[in-house]
Amino acid sequence: MIKATVDGEVGGIIAQDAETIRFVKPGGKLVSVTHLKKGDTVMVYSKAATGRHFGMEVSDEYILEK
């Protein structure tokens, strides 16, 4: 699991363990998910929480996981 904290909010994703899944590090360098190490910093895009169904945003729903 990859976790991020933005303005005190913690979020996370589960990424497929594949060489072709890449993230952007500060400075623009690409890093494969298979080469990420605990403590690495990657860029994130954050917006208000919404529900998702098969990856598509469902704007009139909200999911709060605890």
N, C-alpha and C. Protein backbone atom coordinates (compact mmCIF):
# COMPACT_ATOMS: atom_id res chain seq x y z
N MET A 1 0.84 -1.18 0.00
CA MET A 1 0.00 0.00 0.00
C MET A 1 0.89 1.23 0.00
N ILE A 2 0.48 2.22 -0.77
CA ILE A 2 1.19 3.48 -0.83
C ILE A 2 0.31 4.52 -0.15
N LYS A 3 0.85 5.17 0.87
CA LYS A 3 0.08 6.15 1.63
C LYS A 3 0.65 7.54 1.44
N ALA A 4 -0.23 8.54 1.52
CA ALA A 4 0.18 9.94 1.40
C ALA A 4 -0.58 10.77 2.42
N THR A 5 0.05 11.82 2.90
CA THR A 5 -0.59 12.76 3.80
C THR A 5 -0.58 14.13 3.13
N VAL A 6 -1.77 14.72 3.00
CA VAL A 6 -1.91 16.05 2.41
C VAL A 6 -2.80 16.88 3.33
N ASP A 7 -2.27 17.98 3.84
CA ASP A 7 -3.02 18.86 4.74
C ASP A 7 -3.65 18.09 5.91
N GLY A 8 -2.91 17.14 6.46
CA GLY A 8 -3.38 16.38 7.61
C GLY A 8 -4.29 15.21 7.27
N GLU A 9 -4.70 15.08 6.04
CA GLU A 9 -5.54 13.95 5.59
C GLU A 9 -4.65 12.84 5.07
N VAL A 10 -4.93 11.61 5.47
CA VAL A 10 -4.14 10.46 5.02
C VAL A 10 -4.97 9.67 4.01
N GLY A 11 -4.36 9.35 2.89
CA GLY A 11 -5.01 8.54 1.88
C GLY A 11 -4.06 7.46 1.41
N GLY A 12 -4.59 6.47 0.74
CA GLY A 12 -3.72 5.39 0.27
C GLY A 12 -4.27 4.72 -0.97
N ILE A 13 -3.38 4.07 -1.69
CA ILE A 13 -3.76 3.30 -2.86
C ILE A 13 -3.02 1.96 -2.83
N ILE A 14 -3.56 1.03 -3.53
CA ILE A 14 -2.87 -0.24 -3.77
C ILE A 14 -2.53 -0.26 -5.25
N ALA A 15 -1.26 -0.33 -5.57
CA ALA A 15 -0.82 -0.30 -6.97
C ALA A 15 -0.38 -1.68 -7.40
N GLN A 16 -0.66 -2.01 -8.65
CA GLN A 16 -0.23 -3.28 -9.21
C GLN A 16 1.29 -3.35 -9.17
N ASP A 17 1.82 -4.48 -8.77
CA ASP A 17 3.26 -4.68 -8.67
C ASP A 17 3.81 -5.00 -10.05
N ALA A 18 4.04 -3.95 -10.84
CA ALA A 18 4.50 -4.13 -12.22
C ALA A 18 5.50 -3.03 -12.58
N GLU A 19 6.46 -3.36 -13.39
CA GLU A 19 7.48 -2.41 -13.84
C GLU A 19 6.86 -1.23 -14.59
N THR A 20 5.70 -1.45 -15.23
CA THR A 20 5.08 -0.41 -16.05
C THR A 20 4.26 0.60 -15.25
N ILE A 21 4.02 0.36 -13.96
CA ILE A 21 3.31 1.30 -13.11
C ILE A 21 4.35 2.25 -12.53
N ARG A 22 4.23 3.54 -12.85
CA ARG A 22 5.26 4.50 -12.45
C ARG A 22 4.66 5.70 -11.72
N PHE A 23 5.48 6.27 -10.88
CA PHE A 23 5.12 7.48 -10.14
C PHE A 23 6.15 8.55 -10.49
N VAL A 24 5.81 9.80 -10.17
CA VAL A 24 6.71 10.92 -10.44
C VAL A 24 7.29 11.40 -9.11
N LYS A 25 8.62 11.44 -9.05
CA LYS A 25 9.29 11.96 -7.86
C LYS A 25 9.46 13.47 -8.01
N PRO A 26 9.65 14.18 -6.89
CA PRO A 26 9.93 15.61 -6.99
C PRO A 26 11.10 15.83 -7.96
N GLY A 27 10.99 16.79 -8.83
CA GLY A 27 12.02 17.02 -9.83
C GLY A 27 11.68 16.39 -11.16
N GLY A 28 10.59 15.58 -11.20
CA GLY A 28 10.13 15.01 -12.46
C GLY A 28 10.64 13.64 -12.82
N LYS A 29 11.51 13.05 -12.01
CA LYS A 29 12.04 11.72 -12.32
C LYS A 29 10.96 10.66 -12.12
N LEU A 30 10.85 9.73 -13.08
CA LEU A 30 9.90 8.63 -12.95
C LEU A 30 10.52 7.50 -12.14
N VAL A 31 9.68 6.84 -11.34
CA VAL A 31 10.13 5.68 -10.57
C VAL A 31 9.06 4.60 -10.67
N SER A 32 9.48 3.39 -10.99
CA SER A 32 8.57 2.26 -11.10
C SER A 32 8.10 1.84 -9.71
N VAL A 33 6.88 1.40 -9.61
CA VAL A 33 6.35 0.94 -8.32
C VAL A 33 7.21 -0.20 -7.76
N THR A 34 7.82 -0.98 -8.63
CA THR A 34 8.67 -2.09 -8.17
C THR A 34 9.97 -1.60 -7.54
N HIS A 35 10.32 -0.32 -7.76
CA HIS A 35 11.55 0.23 -7.19
C HIS A 35 11.30 1.19 -6.02
N LEU A 36 10.03 1.39 -5.65
CA LEU A 36 9.74 2.26 -4.51
C LEU A 36 10.22 1.60 -3.22
N LYS A 37 10.72 2.44 -2.32
CA LYS A 37 11.16 1.95 -1.01
C LYS A 37 10.43 2.74 0.06
N LYS A 38 10.25 2.15 1.21
CA LYS A 38 9.61 2.84 2.33
C LYS A 38 10.33 4.16 2.58
N GLY A 39 9.54 5.24 2.68
CA GLY A 39 10.11 6.56 2.91
C GLY A 39 10.35 7.38 1.65
N ASP A 40 10.23 6.76 0.46
CA ASP A 40 10.37 7.51 -0.79
C ASP A 40 9.27 8.57 -0.89
N THR A 41 9.57 9.67 -1.55
CA THR A 41 8.60 10.74 -1.77
C THR A 41 8.19 10.75 -3.24
N VAL A 42 6.88 10.75 -3.48
CA VAL A 42 6.35 10.87 -4.85
C VAL A 42 5.31 11.98 -4.87
N MET A 43 5.04 12.49 -6.05
CA MET A 43 4.06 13.55 -6.22
C MET A 43 2.65 12.95 -6.17
N VAL A 44 1.70 13.70 -5.61
CA VAL A 44 0.30 13.26 -5.57
C VAL A 44 -0.61 14.39 -6.01
N TYR A 45 -1.79 14.02 -6.44
CA TYR A 45 -2.86 14.96 -6.74
C TYR A 45 -3.95 14.69 -5.73
N SER A 46 -4.40 15.72 -5.04
CA SER A 46 -5.39 15.55 -4.00
C SER A 46 -6.62 16.37 -4.30
N LYS A 47 -7.79 15.78 -4.08
CA LYS A 47 -9.06 16.49 -4.21
C LYS A 47 -10.03 15.93 -3.19
N ALA A 48 -11.14 16.57 -3.02
CA ALA A 48 -12.13 16.11 -2.04
C ALA A 48 -12.54 14.67 -2.32
N ALA A 49 -12.78 13.91 -1.27
CA ALA A 49 -13.13 12.49 -1.40
C ALA A 49 -14.47 12.31 -2.09
N THR A 50 -14.51 11.34 -3.00
CA THR A 50 -15.75 10.95 -3.67
C THR A 50 -15.75 9.45 -3.80
N GLY A 51 -16.91 8.88 -4.05
CA GLY A 51 -17.00 7.45 -4.28
C GLY A 51 -16.50 7.10 -5.67
N ARG A 52 -16.11 5.85 -5.85
CA ARG A 52 -15.66 5.37 -7.16
C ARG A 52 -16.31 4.03 -7.44
N HIS A 53 -16.62 3.80 -8.69
CA HIS A 53 -17.15 2.52 -9.16
C HIS A 53 -16.39 2.16 -10.42
N PHE A 54 -15.63 1.08 -10.38
CA PHE A 54 -14.77 0.68 -11.49
C PHE A 54 -13.88 1.83 -11.95
N GLY A 55 -13.37 2.62 -10.98
CA GLY A 55 -12.46 3.70 -11.28
C GLY A 55 -13.12 5.00 -11.71
N MET A 56 -14.41 4.97 -11.97
CA MET A 56 -15.12 6.17 -12.40
C MET A 56 -15.69 6.88 -11.17
N GLU A 57 -15.52 8.21 -11.12
CA GLU A 57 -16.02 8.99 -9.99
C GLU A 57 -17.54 8.97 -9.94
N VAL A 58 -18.05 8.74 -8.73
CA VAL A 58 -19.48 8.84 -8.47
C VAL A 58 -19.63 10.03 -7.54
N SER A 59 -19.98 11.19 -8.09
CA SER A 59 -19.88 12.44 -7.35
C SER A 59 -20.92 12.61 -6.25
N ASP A 60 -22.00 11.86 -6.27
CA ASP A 60 -23.02 12.04 -5.25
C ASP A 60 -22.90 11.02 -4.11
N GLU A 61 -21.75 10.35 -4.01
CA GLU A 61 -21.51 9.40 -2.93
C GLU A 61 -20.20 9.74 -2.24
N TYR A 62 -20.09 9.34 -0.99
CA TYR A 62 -18.87 9.55 -0.22
C TYR A 62 -18.60 8.29 0.58
N ILE A 63 -17.36 7.84 0.56
CA ILE A 63 -16.98 6.63 1.28
C ILE A 63 -15.96 7.03 2.33
N LEU A 64 -16.24 6.73 3.57
CA LEU A 64 -15.31 6.98 4.66
C LEU A 64 -14.90 5.64 5.24
N GLU A 65 -13.64 5.26 5.04
CA GLU A 65 -13.14 4.00 5.57
C GLU A 65 -12.44 4.23 6.87
N LYS A 66 -12.71 3.38 7.83
CA LYS A 66 -12.07 3.50 9.15
C LYS A 66 -11.37 2.21 9.50
